[in-house]
């Protein structure tokens, strides 16, 4: 998850490719549990990276959307984080998650 926030574009691209591959092969609930552990990290950079990774998995893996209500609550809580990079990542996650939920509703 940490590679998603790397300054090097090649490292970010590789991190997102790894997340895409994991989303295709691992149970979505397990993957979300692993990534959500980063939300309670001590460093703001790791919390922001965890949110970025969660956003990617929610975006590419429709099976991960069943657990979104609980993750939305965590995203809203992280809006109050003192670190700006975590607040920005939380807003991005909430935007992706909301779009995923609205897209699911529109498809029904």
C-alpha atoms as a PDB file:
ATOM      1  CA  UNK A   1       0.000   0.000   0.000  1.00  0.00           C
ATOM      2  CA  UNK A   2       2.845   2.363   0.764  1.00  0.00           C
ATOM      3  CA  UNK A   3       4.032   2.333  -2.848  1.00  0.00           C
ATOM      4  CA  UNK A   4       0.839   4.046  -3.970  1.00  0.00           C
ATOM      5  CA  UNK A   5       2.125   7.271  -2.414  1.00  0.00           C
ATOM      6  CA  UNK A   6       5.695   7.009  -3.713  1.00  0.00           C
ATOM      7  CA  UNK A   7       7.274  10.017  -5.397  1.00  0.00           C
ATOM      8  CA  UNK A   8       8.515   7.822  -8.254  1.00  0.00           C
ATOM      9  CA  UNK A   9       5.870   7.323 -10.955  1.00  0.00           C
ATOM     10  CA  UNK A  10       7.220   3.875 -11.861  1.00  0.00           C
ATOM     11  CA  UNK A  11       6.933   2.719  -8.252  1.00  0.00           C
ATOM     12  CA  UNK A  12       3.349   4.019  -8.064  1.00  0.00           C
ATOM     13  CA  UNK A  13       2.480   2.274 -11.319  1.00  0.00           C
ATOM     14  CA  UNK A  14       3.932  -0.998 -10.018  1.00  0.00           C
ATOM     15  CA  UNK A  15       2.068  -0.636  -6.715  1.00  0.00           C
ATOM     16  CA  UNK A  16      -1.240  -0.107  -8.499  1.00  0.00           C
ATOM     17  CA  UNK A  17      -0.536  -3.059 -10.805  1.00  0.00           C
ATOM     18  CA  UNK A  18       0.105  -5.213  -7.739  1.00  0.00           C
ATOM     19  CA  UNK A  19      -3.169  -4.059  -6.173  1.00  0.00           C
ATOM     20  CA  UNK A  20      -5.016  -4.860  -9.400  1.00  0.00           C
ATOM     21  CA  UNK A  21      -3.491  -8.341  -9.487  1.00  0.00           C
ATOM     22  CA  UNK A  22      -4.357  -8.947  -5.832  1.00  0.00           C
ATOM     23  CA  UNK A  23      -7.916  -7.752  -6.400  1.00  0.00           C
ATOM     24  CA  UNK A  24      -8.257 -10.279  -9.210  1.00  0.00           C
ATOM     25  CA  UNK A  25      -6.924 -13.220  -7.180  1.00  0.00           C
ATOM     26  CA  UNK A  26      -7.711 -12.639  -3.498  1.00  0.00           C
ATOM     27  CA  UNK A  27     -11.093 -12.630  -1.781  1.00  0.00           C
ATOM     28  CA  UNK A  28     -12.217  -8.964  -1.794  1.00  0.00           C
ATOM     29  CA  UNK A  29     -13.178  -9.019   1.888  1.00  0.00           C
ATOM     30  CA  UNK A  30      -9.757 -10.321   2.913  1.00  0.00           C
ATOM     31  CA  UNK A  31      -8.002  -7.737   0.771  1.00  0.00           C
ATOM     32  CA  UNK A  32     -10.059  -4.922   2.280  1.00  0.00           C
ATOM     33  CA  UNK A  33      -9.263  -6.188   5.776  1.00  0.00           C
ATOM     34  CA  UNK A  34      -5.541  -6.231   5.012  1.00  0.00           C
ATOM     35  CA  UNK A  35      -5.592  -2.751   3.537  1.00  0.00           C
ATOM     36  CA  UNK A  36      -7.824  -1.271   6.220  1.00  0.00           C
ATOM     37  CA  UNK A  37      -5.165  -2.149   8.798  1.00  0.00           C
ATOM     38  CA  UNK A  38      -3.142   0.741   7.356  1.00  0.00           C
ATOM     39  CA  UNK A  39      -5.844   3.171   8.484  1.00  0.00           C
ATOM     40  CA  UNK A  40      -4.676   2.886  12.085  1.00  0.00           C
ATOM     41  CA  UNK A  41      -0.964   3.286  11.303  1.00  0.00           C
ATOM     42  CA  UNK A  42       1.112   5.668  13.374  1.00  0.00           C
ATOM     43  CA  UNK A  43       2.334   7.731  10.436  1.00  0.00           C
ATOM     44  CA  UNK A  44       0.107   9.983   8.383  1.00  0.00           C
ATOM     45  CA  UNK A  45       1.847   8.843   5.199  1.00  0.00           C
ATOM     46  CA  UNK A  46       0.862   5.227   5.811  1.00  0.00           C
ATOM     47  CA  UNK A  47      -2.755   6.152   6.646  1.00  0.00           C
ATOM     48  CA  UNK A  48      -2.967   8.153   3.414  1.00  0.00           C
ATOM     49  CA  UNK A  49      -1.406   5.283   1.452  1.00  0.00           C
ATOM     50  CA  UNK A  50      -3.934   2.866   2.948  1.00  0.00           C
ATOM     51  CA  UNK A  51      -6.792   5.099   1.842  1.00  0.00           C
ATOM     52  CA  UNK A  52      -5.307   5.371  -1.637  1.00  0.00           C
ATOM     53  CA  UNK A  53      -4.992   1.577  -1.880  1.00  0.00           C
ATOM     54  CA  UNK A  54      -8.548   1.085  -0.638  1.00  0.00           C
ATOM     55  CA  UNK A  55      -9.769   3.544  -3.261  1.00  0.00           C
ATOM     56  CA  UNK A  56      -8.076   1.550  -5.990  1.00  0.00           C
ATOM     57  CA  UNK A  57      -9.504  -1.780  -4.831  1.00  0.00           C
ATOM     58  CA  UNK A  58     -13.019  -0.360  -4.554  1.00  0.00           C
ATOM     59  CA  UNK A  59     -12.631   1.107  -8.044  1.00  0.00           C
ATOM     60  CA  UNK A  60     -11.396  -2.072  -9.789  1.00  0.00           C
ATOM     61  CA  UNK A  61     -13.154  -4.782  -7.774  1.00  0.00           C
ATOM     62  CA  UNK A  62     -16.966  -4.741  -7.713  1.00  0.00           C
ATOM     63  CA  UNK A  63     -16.947  -7.592  -5.176  1.00  0.00           C
ATOM     64  CA  UNK A  64     -15.356  -5.276  -2.618  1.00  0.00           C
ATOM     65  CA  UNK A  65     -18.313  -2.920  -2.545  1.00  0.00           C
ATOM     66  CA  UNK A  66     -20.371  -4.938  -0.057  1.00  0.00           C
ATOM     67  CA  UNK A  67     -18.167  -3.762   2.810  1.00  0.00           C
ATOM     68  CA  UNK A  68     -18.271  -0.104   1.835  1.00  0.00           C
ATOM     69  CA  UNK A  69     -20.681   1.163   4.513  1.00  0.00           C
ATOM     70  CA  UNK A  70     -18.224   0.319   7.302  1.00  0.00           C
ATOM     71  CA  UNK A  71     -15.308   1.735   5.334  1.00  0.00           C
ATOM     72  CA  UNK A  72     -17.229   4.925   4.620  1.00  0.00           C
ATOM     73  CA  UNK A  73     -17.517   5.500   8.352  1.00  0.00           C
ATOM     74  CA  UNK A  74     -13.758   5.103   8.735  1.00  0.00           C
ATOM     75  CA  UNK A  75     -13.201   7.506   5.840  1.00  0.00           C
ATOM     76  CA  UNK A  76     -15.415  10.118   7.456  1.00  0.00           C
ATOM     77  CA  UNK A  77     -13.542   9.733  10.749  1.00  0.00           C
ATOM     78  CA  UNK A  78     -10.224  10.252   8.975  1.00  0.00           C
ATOM     79  CA  UNK A  79     -11.451  13.593   7.639  1.00  0.00           C
ATOM     80  CA  UNK A  80     -10.724  14.848  11.151  1.00  0.00           C
ATOM     81  CA  UNK A  81      -7.085  13.727  11.041  1.00  0.00           C
ATOM     82  CA  UNK A  82      -4.677  16.607  11.698  1.00  0.00           C
ATOM     83  CA  UNK A  83      -2.528  15.669   8.672  1.00  0.00           C
ATOM     84  CA  UNK A  84      -3.602  17.327   5.427  1.00  0.00           C
ATOM     85  CA  UNK A  85      -2.428  14.388   3.303  1.00  0.00           C
ATOM     86  CA  UNK A  86      -4.751  12.060   5.240  1.00  0.00           C
ATOM     87  CA  UNK A  87      -7.669  14.476   4.866  1.00  0.00           C
ATOM     88  CA  UNK A  88      -7.054  14.695   1.120  1.00  0.00           C
ATOM     89  CA  UNK A  89      -6.778  10.915   0.777  1.00  0.00           C
ATOM     90  CA  UNK A  90      -9.959  10.480   2.839  1.00  0.00           C
ATOM     91  CA  UNK A  91     -11.850  12.852   0.529  1.00  0.00           C
ATOM     92  CA  UNK A  92     -10.592  10.961  -2.509  1.00  0.00           C
ATOM     93  CA  UNK A  93     -11.601   7.636  -0.967  1.00  0.00           C
ATOM     94  CA  UNK A  94     -15.063   8.941  -0.082  1.00  0.00           C
ATOM     95  CA  UNK A  95     -15.514  10.245  -3.619  1.00  0.00           C
ATOM     96  CA  UNK A  96     -14.556   6.876  -5.182  1.00  0.00           C
ATOM     97  CA  UNK A  97     -16.620   4.876  -2.677  1.00  0.00           C
ATOM     98  CA  UNK A  98     -19.690   7.071  -3.160  1.00  0.00           C
ATOM     99  CA  UNK A  99     -19.400   6.799  -6.933  1.00  0.00           C
ATOM    100  CA  UNK A 100     -19.084   3.018  -6.622  1.00  0.00           C
ATOM    101  CA  UNK A 101     -22.188   2.825  -4.432  1.00  0.00           C
ATOM    102  CA  UNK A 102     -24.175   5.140  -6.685  1.00  0.00           C
ATOM    103  CA  UNK A 103     -23.099   3.117  -9.707  1.00  0.00           C
ATOM    104  CA  UNK A 104     -24.305  -0.053  -7.992  1.00  0.00           C
ATOM    105  CA  UNK A 105     -27.640   1.579  -7.227  1.00  0.00           C
ATOM    106  CA  UNK A 106     -28.039   2.780 -10.809  1.00  0.00           C
ATOM    107  CA  UNK A 107     -27.397  -0.740 -12.086  1.00  0.00           C
ATOM    108  CA  UNK A 108     -30.249  -2.221 -10.053  1.00  0.00           C
END
